[in-house]
C-alpha atoms as a PDB file:
ATOM      1  CA  MET A   1     -47.295  46.671-163.457  1.00  0.00           C
ATOM      2  CA  ALA A   2     -50.166  48.981-163.311  1.00  0.00           C
ATOM      3  CA  GLN A   3     -47.902  51.875-163.886  1.00  0.00           C
ATOM      4  CA  ASP A   4     -47.424  50.496-167.367  1.00  0.00           C
ATOM      5  CA  ILE A   5     -51.104  50.602-168.204  1.00  0.00           C
ATOM      6  CA  PRO A   6     -52.397  54.117-169.680  1.00  0.00           C
ATOM      7  CA  ALA A   7     -55.291  55.561-167.750  1.00  0.00           C
ATOM      8  CA  LEU A   8     -58.159  56.379-169.946  1.00  0.00           C
ATOM      9  CA  GLN A   9     -59.386  60.102-169.937  1.00  0.00           C
ATOM     10  CA  GLY A  10     -63.067  61.143-170.670  1.00  0.00           C
ATOM     11  CA  ILE A  11     -61.660  63.558-173.211  1.00  0.00           C
ATOM     12  CA  ASP A  12     -60.220  60.804-175.369  1.00  0.00           C
ATOM     13  CA  VAL A  13     -63.653  58.803-175.806  1.00  0.00           C
ATOM     14  CA  VAL A  14     -65.623  60.441-178.535  1.00  0.00           C
ATOM     15  CA  LEU A  15     -68.907  59.518-180.431  1.00  0.00           C
ATOM     16  CA  TYR A  16     -69.229  59.165-184.279  1.00  0.00           C
ATOM     17  CA  ALA A  17     -72.473  58.698-185.912  1.00  0.00           C
ATOM     18  CA  ARG A  18     -74.215  57.941-189.318  1.00  0.00           C
ATOM     19  CA  LYS A  19     -77.653  57.140-190.908  1.00  0.00           C
ATOM     20  CA  LEU A  20     -77.597  53.500-191.555  1.00  0.00           C
ATOM     21  CA  SER A  21     -79.254  54.325-194.879  1.00  0.00           C
ATOM     22  CA  ALA A  22     -75.975  56.352-195.797  1.00  0.00           C
ATOM     23  CA  ALA A  23     -73.584  53.602-195.292  1.00  0.00           C
ATOM     24  CA  LYS A  24     -72.699  53.118-198.788  1.00  0.00           C
ATOM     25  CA  THR A  25     -72.148  56.908-199.541  1.00  0.00           C
ATOM     26  CA  GLU A  26     -70.463  58.603-196.752  1.00  0.00           C
ATOM     27  CA  PRO A  27     -68.161  57.847-193.589  1.00  0.00           C
ATOM     28  CA  GLY A  28     -69.350  58.250-189.986  1.00  0.00           C
ATOM     29  CA  HIS A  29     -69.236  61.734-188.453  1.00  0.00           C
ATOM     30  CA  LEU A  30     -67.794  62.939-185.179  1.00  0.00           C
ATOM     31  CA  VAL A  31     -70.520  64.662-183.124  1.00  0.00           C
ATOM     32  CA  PRO A  32     -69.297  68.293-182.741  1.00  0.00           C
ATOM     33  CA  TYR A  33     -68.648  69.902-179.305  1.00  0.00           C
ATOM     34  CA  GLN A  34     -69.176  66.927-177.220  1.00  0.00           C
ATOM     35  CA  THR A  35     -69.231  67.752-173.460  1.00  0.00           C
ATOM     36  CA  SER A  36     -70.396  64.205-172.033  1.00  0.00           C
ATOM     37  CA  LEU A  37     -70.731  60.921-173.135  1.00  0.00           C
ATOM     38  CA  SER A  38     -72.518  58.191-171.140  1.00  0.00           C
ATOM     39  CA  PHE A  39     -72.305  54.342-172.076  1.00  0.00           C
ATOM     40  CA  ASP A  40     -74.152  51.930-169.861  1.00  0.00           C
ATOM     41  CA  PRO A  41     -74.575  48.263-170.936  1.00  0.00           C
ATOM     42  CA  GLN A  42     -76.168  46.029-168.351  1.00  0.00           C
ATOM     43  CA  ARG A  43     -77.962  42.835-167.640  1.00  0.00           C
ATOM     44  CA  ASP A  44     -80.603  42.532-164.738  1.00  0.00           C
ATOM     45  CA  SER A  45     -80.272  39.440-162.624  1.00  0.00           C
ATOM     46  CA  ASP A  46     -82.670  37.643-160.457  1.00  0.00           C
ATOM     47  CA  ASN A  47     -82.738  34.885-158.017  1.00  0.00           C
ATOM     48  CA  THR A  48     -85.506  32.509-157.610  1.00  0.00           C
ATOM     49  CA  VAL A  49     -85.750  30.548-154.469  1.00  0.00           C
ATOM     50  CA  THR A  50     -86.899  26.860-154.922  1.00  0.00           C
ATOM     51  CA  LYS A  51     -87.030  23.704-152.515  1.00  0.00           C
ATOM     52  CA  SER A  52     -83.822  22.715-154.196  1.00  0.00           C
ATOM     53  CA  GLY A  53     -81.877  26.017-153.702  1.00  0.00           C
ATOM     54  CA  SER A  54     -81.944  29.470-155.401  1.00  0.00           C
ATOM     55  CA  VAL A  55     -81.918  29.499-159.189  1.00  0.00           C
ATOM     56  CA  ALA A  56     -80.051  32.511-160.767  1.00  0.00           C
ATOM     57  CA  THR A  57     -81.418  34.120-164.153  1.00  0.00           C
ATOM     58  CA  THR A  58     -80.299  36.985-166.129  1.00  0.00           C
ATOM     59  CA  SER A  59     -82.140  39.098-168.763  1.00  0.00           C
ATOM     60  CA  SER A  60     -80.776  39.942-172.111  1.00  0.00           C
ATOM     61  CA  LEU A  61     -78.197  42.893-172.619  1.00  0.00           C
ATOM     62  CA  GLU A  62     -79.579  46.230-172.550  1.00  0.00           C
ATOM     63  CA  THR A  63     -77.567  49.454-173.312  1.00  0.00           C
ATOM     64  CA  ASP A  64     -78.359  53.348-173.094  1.00  0.00           C
ATOM     65  CA  LEU A  65     -76.200  55.630-174.856  1.00  0.00           C
ATOM     66  CA  GLU A  66     -76.382  59.247-174.086  1.00  0.00           C
ATOM     67  CA  VAL A  67     -74.353  62.244-175.623  1.00  0.00           C
ATOM     68  CA  GLU A  68     -74.480  66.116-174.561  1.00  0.00           C
ATOM     69  CA  PHE A  69     -73.012  68.478-176.793  1.00  0.00           C
ATOM     70  CA  VAL A  70     -73.246  72.239-177.664  1.00  0.00           C
ATOM     71  CA  ASN A  71     -76.030  72.669-179.961  1.00  0.00           C
ATOM     72  CA  ASN A  72     -74.991  73.185-183.532  1.00  0.00           C
ATOM     73  CA  TRP A  73     -76.324  72.965-187.128  1.00  0.00           C
ATOM     74  CA  SER A  74     -73.822  70.325-188.475  1.00  0.00           C
ATOM     75  CA  GLU A  75     -75.132  67.654-190.649  1.00  0.00           C
ATOM     76  CA  ILE A  76     -75.032  64.871-188.030  1.00  0.00           C
ATOM     77  CA  ALA A  77     -76.576  67.100-185.504  1.00  0.00           C
ATOM     78  CA  ASP A  78     -79.553  67.408-187.722  1.00  0.00           C
ATOM     79  CA  GLN A  79     -79.572  63.848-188.612  1.00  0.00           C
ATOM     80  CA  LEU A  80     -79.931  62.992-184.873  1.00  0.00           C
ATOM     81  CA  TYR A  81     -83.310  64.805-185.226  1.00  0.00           C
ATOM     82  CA  ASP A  82     -84.177  62.873-188.251  1.00  0.00           C
ATOM     83  CA  SER A  83     -83.756  59.840-186.391  1.00  0.00           C
ATOM     84  CA  LEU A  84     -86.174  60.993-183.529  1.00  0.00           C
ATOM     85  CA  PHE A  85     -88.714  62.531-185.802  1.00  0.00           C
ATOM     86  CA  ASP A  86     -88.580  60.342-188.819  1.00  0.00           C
ATOM     87  CA  GLN A  87     -87.511  57.045-186.962  1.00  0.00           C
ATOM     88  CA  GLU A  88     -84.351  56.920-188.957  1.00  0.00           C
ATOM     89  CA  GLU A  89     -81.949  54.152-187.928  1.00  0.00           C
ATOM     90  CA  MET A  90     -78.554  55.177-186.925  1.00  0.00           C
ATOM     91  CA  GLU A  91     -75.100  53.783-186.490  1.00  0.00           C
ATOM     92  CA  PHE A  92     -72.806  54.762-183.744  1.00  0.00           C
ATOM     93  CA  TRP A  93     -69.466  54.374-182.768  1.00  0.00           C
ATOM     94  CA  ILE A  94     -67.656  54.981-179.467  1.00  0.00           C
ATOM     95  CA  ILE A  95     -63.998  55.491-180.226  1.00  0.00           C
ATOM     96  CA  TYR A  96     -61.068  55.384-177.728  1.00  0.00           C
ATOM     97  CA  ARG A  97     -58.500  57.771-179.739  1.00  0.00           C
ATOM     98  CA  LYS A  98     -55.676  56.966-177.383  1.00  0.00           C
ATOM     99  CA  ARG A  99     -55.888  52.907-177.804  1.00  0.00           C
ATOM    100  CA  LYS A 100     -54.616  51.532-181.062  1.00  0.00           C
ATOM    101  CA  ASN A 101     -53.829  47.985-182.088  1.00  0.00           C
ATOM    102  CA  THR A 102     -50.646  47.062-183.992  1.00  0.00           C
ATOM    103  CA  ALA A 103     -52.511  47.601-187.401  1.00  0.00           C
ATOM    104  CA  GLY A 104     -53.081  51.377-186.380  1.00  0.00           C
ATOM    105  CA  LYS A 105     -56.879  50.821-185.819  1.00  0.00           C
ATOM    106  CA  TYR A 106     -58.656  52.399-182.922  1.00  0.00           C
ATOM    107  CA  PHE A 107     -60.470  50.422-180.214  1.00  0.00           C
ATOM    108  CA  ALA A 108     -64.261  50.999-180.708  1.00  0.00           C
ATOM    109  CA  PHE A 109     -67.714  50.003-179.468  1.00  0.00           C
ATOM    110  CA  TYR A 110     -70.307  49.699-182.559  1.00  0.00           C
ATOM    111  CA  MET A 111     -74.067  50.027-182.133  1.00  0.00           C
ATOM    112  CA  ARG A 112     -77.337  50.593-183.845  1.00  0.00           C
ATOM    113  CA  ARG A 113     -80.594  52.235-182.821  1.00  0.00           C
ATOM    114  CA  LYS A 114     -82.954  55.257-183.445  1.00  0.00           C
ATOM    115  CA  VAL A 115     -82.714  58.293-181.151  1.00  0.00           C
ATOM    116  CA  THR A 116     -85.408  57.975-178.303  1.00  0.00           C
ATOM    117  CA  GLU A 117     -85.074  61.438-176.674  1.00  0.00           C
ATOM    118  CA  ASP A 118     -83.318  64.690-177.591  1.00  0.00           C
ATOM    119  CA  SER A 119     -83.623  67.349-175.060  1.00  0.00           C
ATOM    120  CA  ASN A 120     -82.603  70.834-175.743  1.00  0.00           C
ATOM    121  CA  ASP A 121     -81.631  73.471-173.090  1.00  0.00           C
ATOM    122  CA  ASN A 122     -81.603  77.116-174.087  1.00  0.00           C
ATOM    123  CA  ASP A 123     -80.677  79.158-170.886  1.00  0.00           C
ATOM    124  CA  PRO A 124     -79.972  83.048-171.535  1.00  0.00           C
ATOM    125  CA  ASP A 125     -76.670  83.249-169.987  1.00  0.00           C
ATOM    126  CA  ASP A 126     -75.269  79.936-171.603  1.00  0.00           C
ATOM    127  CA  VAL A 127     -74.720  78.257-174.879  1.00  0.00           C
ATOM    128  CA  SER A 128     -77.506  76.357-176.156  1.00  0.00           C
ATOM    129  CA  SER A 129     -77.132  72.459-175.607  1.00  0.00           C
ATOM    130  CA  ARG A 130     -78.378  69.129-176.390  1.00  0.00           C
ATOM    131  CA  ASP A 131     -78.858  65.802-174.504  1.00  0.00           C
ATOM    132  CA  THR A 132     -79.435  62.909-176.981  1.00  0.00           C
ATOM    133  CA  THR A 133     -80.574  59.595-175.691  1.00  0.00           C
ATOM    134  CA  ILE A 134     -80.250  56.349-177.797  1.00  0.00           C
ATOM    135  CA  THR A 135     -81.515  52.909-176.445  1.00  0.00           C
ATOM    136  CA  VAL A 136     -79.464  50.331-178.407  1.00  0.00           C
ATOM    137  CA  ASP A 137     -80.949  47.176-179.884  1.00  0.00           C
ATOM    138  CA  TYR A 138     -77.989  45.964-181.805  1.00  0.00           C
ATOM    139  CA  GLY A 139     -74.684  45.720-180.175  1.00  0.00           C
ATOM    140  CA  PRO A 140     -72.655  46.968-178.421  1.00  0.00           C
ATOM    141  CA  VAL A 141     -69.921  44.955-180.380  1.00  0.00           C
ATOM    142  CA  ARG A 142     -66.353  45.426-179.726  1.00  0.00           C
ATOM    143  CA  GLY A 143     -63.655  45.858-182.469  1.00  0.00           C
ATOM    144  CA  TRP A 144     -61.176  48.054-184.216  1.00  0.00           C
ATOM    145  CA  THR A 145     -61.734  50.727-186.809  1.00  0.00           C
ATOM    146  CA  GLU A 146     -59.569  52.692-189.188  1.00  0.00           C
ATOM    147  CA  LEU A 147     -60.014  56.473-189.492  1.00  0.00           C
ATOM    148  CA  SER A 148     -59.380  58.487-192.402  1.00  0.00           C
ATOM    149  CA  ASN A 149     -57.097  61.258-192.456  1.00  0.00           C
ATOM    150  CA  GLU A 150     -60.020  63.815-192.395  1.00  0.00           C
ATOM    151  CA  GLN A 151     -61.621  61.998-189.418  1.00  0.00           C
ATOM    152  CA  GLU A 152     -58.177  61.783-187.452  1.00  0.00           C
ATOM    153  CA  SER A 153     -57.809  65.545-188.025  1.00  0.00           C
ATOM    154  CA  GLN A 154     -61.330  66.167-186.458  1.00  0.00           C
ATOM    155  CA  LEU A 155     -59.916  64.570-183.243  1.00  0.00           C
ATOM    156  CA  ALA A 156     -56.578  66.536-183.045  1.00  0.00           C
ATOM    157  CA  TYR A 157     -55.819  70.079-184.651  1.00  0.00           C
ATOM    158  CA  ILE A 158     -52.602  69.878-186.599  1.00  0.00           C
ATOM    159  CA  PHE A 159     -50.928  73.041-187.921  1.00  0.00           C
ATOM    160  CA  ARG A 160     -51.189  73.757-191.767  1.00  0.00           C
ATOM    161  CA  GLY A 161     -49.874  76.496-193.870  1.00  0.00           C
ATOM    162  CA  VAL A 162     -52.027  78.618-196.020  1.00  0.00           C
ATOM    163  CA  GLY A 163     -50.706  77.165-199.360  1.00  0.00           C
ATOM    164  CA  VAL A 164     -52.283  74.395-201.543  1.00  0.00           C
ATOM    165  CA  ILE A 165     -51.948  70.711-200.109  1.00  0.00           C
ATOM    166  CA  GLU A 166     -50.072  69.022-202.829  1.00  0.00           C
ATOM    167  CA  GLY A 167     -50.518  65.173-202.904  1.00  0.00           C
ATOM    168  CA  ALA A 168     -51.599  63.217-199.855  1.00  0.00           C
ATOM    169  CA  ALA A 169     -51.986  65.009-196.726  1.00  0.00           C
ATOM    170  CA  LYS A 170     -49.006  64.441-194.302  1.00  0.00           C
ATOM    171  CA  ASP A 171     -50.456  66.066-191.207  1.00  0.00           C
ATOM    172  CA  ASP A 172     -47.127  66.603-189.683  1.00  0.00           C
ATOM    173  CA  GLY A 173     -47.307  70.312-189.583  1.00  0.00           C
ATOM    174  CA  THR A 174     -45.573  70.768-193.141  1.00  0.00           C
ATOM    175  CA  ASP A 175     -48.730  70.896-195.269  1.00  0.00           C
ATOM    176  CA  GLY A 176     -49.446  74.092-197.084  1.00  0.00           C
ATOM    177  CA  ASN A 177     -45.668  75.031-196.673  1.00  0.00           C
ATOM    178  CA  GLY A 178     -46.223  75.384-193.129  1.00  0.00           C
ATOM    179  CA  GLN A 179     -44.035  74.648-189.904  1.00  0.00           C
ATOM    180  CA  ALA A 180     -45.347  73.261-186.764  1.00  0.00           C
ATOM    181  CA  TRP A 181     -44.566  75.045-183.453  1.00  0.00           C
ATOM    182  CA  SER A 182     -41.860  73.810-181.290  1.00  0.00           C
ATOM    183  CA  ASN A 183     -40.816  74.701-177.669  1.00  0.00           C
ATOM    184  CA  THR A 184     -37.690  76.103-179.203  1.00  0.00           C
ATOM    185  CA  ASP A 185     -39.906  78.817-181.207  1.00  0.00           C
ATOM    186  CA  ASN A 186     -40.578  80.549-177.907  1.00  0.00           C
ATOM    187  CA  GLY A 187     -39.477  84.302-178.373  1.00  0.00           C
ATOM    188  CA  VAL A 188     -38.268  83.584-181.930  1.00  0.00           C
ATOM    189  CA  GLY A 189     -39.109  86.091-184.461  1.00  0.00           C
ATOM    190  CA  ILE A 190     -38.041  89.135-186.796  1.00  0.00           C
ATOM    191  CA  GLU A 191     -40.009  91.950-187.585  1.00  0.00           C
ATOM    192  CA  ALA A 192     -41.761  91.745-191.018  1.00  0.00           C
ATOM    193  CA  THR A 193     -41.133  95.004-193.216  1.00  0.00           C
ATOM    194  CA  ASP A 194     -43.642  93.943-196.098  1.00  0.00           C
ATOM    195  CA  ALA A 195     -47.461  93.238-195.494  1.00  0.00           C
ATOM    196  CA  PRO A 196     -48.499  89.968-197.352  1.00  0.00           C
ATOM    197  CA  SER A 197     -49.699  90.660-200.894  1.00  0.00           C
ATOM    198  CA  ASP A 198     -51.455  88.826-203.369  1.00  0.00           C
ATOM    199  CA  LYS A 199     -50.060  87.743-206.710  1.00  0.00           C
ATOM    200  CA  THR A 200     -50.938  90.939-208.459  1.00  0.00           C
ATOM    201  CA  GLY A 201     -49.075  92.960-205.896  1.00  0.00           C
ATOM    202  CA  GLY A 202     -52.184  94.443-204.048  1.00  0.00           C
ATOM    203  CA  GLN A 203     -51.864  94.218-200.346  1.00  0.00           C
ATOM    204  CA  LYS A 204     -54.315  92.025-198.535  1.00  0.00           C
END
């Protein structure tokens, strides 16, 4: 039975975020270049010894969310700074991109909170990196979320031709008059005798 259950890989668990104030105007954004994502919901428990026996107590749910990523100047990377500096409330989704329900929606945890720490490392022989920490005060709440074609394309690169995309994107490799690579394409090709040219006949 266990062999029929897919194992979850860390690379398939990703973080999306958005300013709460922008919920009516823009979708959630994938945090680019994630290298690590830590999600730690927990309840502290304690036992009080009485003359009638021990009494167990548990605290309220506490969750720490931490994402490490290569530093960049994407909109959402800057908004994480806004949350820390200006106390902007944020929404966060941890999305499991390999787990869907029968309606085609992705399994996700949803949370809200402000960024509480954002550490930036800039070693001379490595890329600049950030380590952003959020202490959650709303959620986590489990559910299923739909991703737009654009959001799905952020998760998996799909080949496209250079032509104009006509109608709704099919994301099957044929958009833009393209053709996705297959294993049978290994070693296939003919020499092109003419360089690509623009419509006016000038070579590019």
